Amino acid sequence: VGQVVRVLELLQRVTAVANVALLLWFVLRLVRLPGLDHASVLLWLRQPVAAVPMLLLIVSVFWHLRLGFQVFIEDYVHDEGAKLLALLALNFYALAGAAAGSFAVLKIALGA
């Protein structure tokens, strides 16, 4: 159990660093756009150099969210049935959120 906890803590730190780097990239790129209108953002996201980091950001944020809430649930939900249900709901939410965000970026990037 101790080894698993250390791996989860390491993953949480790695995703935190990735989130900071990717969010900085995102904000700096948005600031450099000629405008923040719908058309400008769509044109920007159609470029692979924008779509790929955006996909990484989405996955990293939802993975980090999942890791953080997992620790919260394991620490504060004491009933095993409720804990299992909460972890299942968390996994569904994180996967669905990452999938929806990724789908939206891919739809724009691939011109659909």
Protein backbone atom coordinates (compact mmCIF):
# COMPACT_ATOMS: atom_id res chain seq x y z
CA VAL A 1 0.00 0.00 0.00
CA GLY A 2 2.84 2.39 0.82
CA GLN A 3 4.38 1.93 -2.63
CA VAL A 4 1.03 2.66 -4.32
CA VAL A 5 0.58 5.82 -2.26
CA ARG A 6 4.05 7.04 -3.26
CA VAL A 7 3.32 6.39 -6.95
CA LEU A 8 0.00 8.27 -6.70
CA GLU A 9 1.71 11.18 -4.95
CA LEU A 10 4.37 11.26 -7.67
CA LEU A 11 1.72 11.18 -10.41
CA GLN A 12 -0.13 14.02 -8.72
CA ARG A 13 3.04 16.11 -8.66
CA VAL A 14 3.85 15.30 -12.28
CA THR A 15 0.38 16.29 -13.44
CA ALA A 16 0.57 19.46 -11.34
CA VAL A 17 3.81 20.49 -13.06
CA ALA A 18 2.35 19.57 -16.45
CA ASN A 19 -0.76 21.62 -15.70
CA VAL A 20 1.28 24.68 -14.78
CA ALA A 21 3.41 24.42 -17.93
CA LEU A 22 0.45 23.76 -20.23
CA LEU A 23 -1.70 26.49 -18.65
CA LEU A 24 1.14 28.97 -19.08
CA TRP A 25 1.41 27.93 -22.74
CA PHE A 26 -2.37 28.29 -23.13
CA VAL A 27 -2.57 31.77 -21.59
CA LEU A 28 0.47 33.05 -23.49
CA ARG A 29 -0.89 31.73 -26.79
CA LEU A 30 -4.31 33.29 -26.17
CA VAL A 31 -2.71 36.64 -25.38
CA ARG A 32 -0.78 36.49 -28.67
CA LEU A 33 -3.87 35.81 -30.80
CA PRO A 34 -4.95 38.74 -32.98
CA GLY A 35 -8.38 38.55 -31.39
CA LEU A 36 -10.30 36.37 -29.01
CA ASP A 37 -13.30 36.05 -31.30
CA HIS A 38 -14.69 32.67 -32.28
CA ALA A 39 -13.09 32.64 -35.73
CA SER A 40 -9.59 33.45 -34.44
CA VAL A 41 -9.70 30.74 -31.79
CA LEU A 42 -11.01 28.18 -34.29
CA LEU A 43 -8.23 28.99 -36.75
CA TRP A 44 -5.69 28.69 -33.97
CA LEU A 45 -7.02 25.34 -32.70
CA ARG A 46 -6.97 23.88 -36.22
CA GLN A 47 -3.18 23.95 -36.12
CA PRO A 48 -1.48 20.82 -34.77
CA VAL A 49 0.89 22.94 -32.64
CA ALA A 50 -2.19 24.21 -30.79
CA ALA A 51 -4.42 21.14 -30.84
CA VAL A 52 -1.86 18.67 -29.46
CA PRO A 53 -0.90 20.72 -26.36
CA MET A 54 -4.60 21.50 -25.81
CA LEU A 55 -5.35 17.77 -25.78
CA LEU A 56 -2.48 17.22 -23.36
CA LEU A 57 -3.84 20.00 -21.13
CA ILE A 58 -7.32 18.47 -21.07
CA VAL A 59 -6.04 15.00 -20.22
CA SER A 60 -3.62 16.31 -17.60
CA VAL A 61 -6.22 18.46 -15.86
CA PHE A 62 -8.78 15.66 -15.63
CA TRP A 63 -6.14 13.14 -14.53
CA HIS A 64 -4.94 15.53 -11.82
CA LEU A 65 -8.53 16.15 -10.73
CA ARG A 66 -9.13 12.41 -10.50
CA LEU A 67 -5.98 11.81 -8.44
CA GLY A 68 -6.79 14.62 -6.02
CA PHE A 69 -10.40 13.63 -5.47
CA GLN A 70 -9.39 9.98 -5.08
CA VAL A 71 -7.21 10.93 -2.12
CA PHE A 72 -10.04 13.04 -0.69
CA ILE A 73 -12.55 10.20 -1.05
CA GLU A 74 -10.19 7.61 0.42
CA ASP A 75 -9.44 9.87 3.40
CA TYR A 76 -12.94 11.10 4.23
CA VAL A 77 -15.44 8.48 3.05
CA HIS A 78 -15.36 5.67 5.58
CA ASP A 79 -18.21 3.43 4.43
CA GLU A 80 -16.73 0.97 1.93
CA GLY A 81 -19.85 0.85 -0.24
CA ALA A 82 -20.10 4.63 -0.44
CA LYS A 83 -16.36 4.85 -1.09
CA LEU A 84 -16.61 2.40 -4.00
CA LEU A 85 -19.60 4.25 -5.44
CA ALA A 86 -17.84 7.62 -5.09
CA LEU A 87 -14.68 6.30 -6.78
CA LEU A 88 -16.73 4.82 -9.63
CA ALA A 89 -18.56 8.13 -10.09
CA LEU A 90 -15.26 10.00 -9.98
CA ASN A 91 -13.72 7.74 -12.63
CA PHE A 92 -16.76 8.14 -14.85
CA TYR A 93 -16.75 11.93 -14.45
CA ALA A 94 -13.02 12.28 -15.14
CA LEU A 95 -13.13 9.99 -18.16
CA ALA A 96 -16.28 11.60 -19.56
CA GLY A 97 -14.89 15.11 -19.07
CA ALA A 98 -11.57 14.29 -20.71
CA ALA A 99 -13.35 12.50 -23.56
CA ALA A 100 -15.77 15.39 -24.16
CA GLY A 101 -12.99 17.99 -24.12
CA SER A 102 -10.79 15.88 -26.38
CA PHE A 103 -13.66 15.27 -28.78
CA ALA A 104 -14.33 19.00 -29.03
CA VAL A 105 -10.67 19.80 -29.77
CA LEU A 106 -10.37 16.96 -32.28
CA LYS A 107 -13.57 18.04 -34.00
CA ILE A 108 -12.16 21.55 -34.46
CA ALA A 109 -8.65 20.37 -35.36
CA LEU A 110 -9.87 17.89 -37.95
CA GLY A 111 -12.29 20.39 -39.45
CA ALA A 112 -15.48 18.46 -38.77
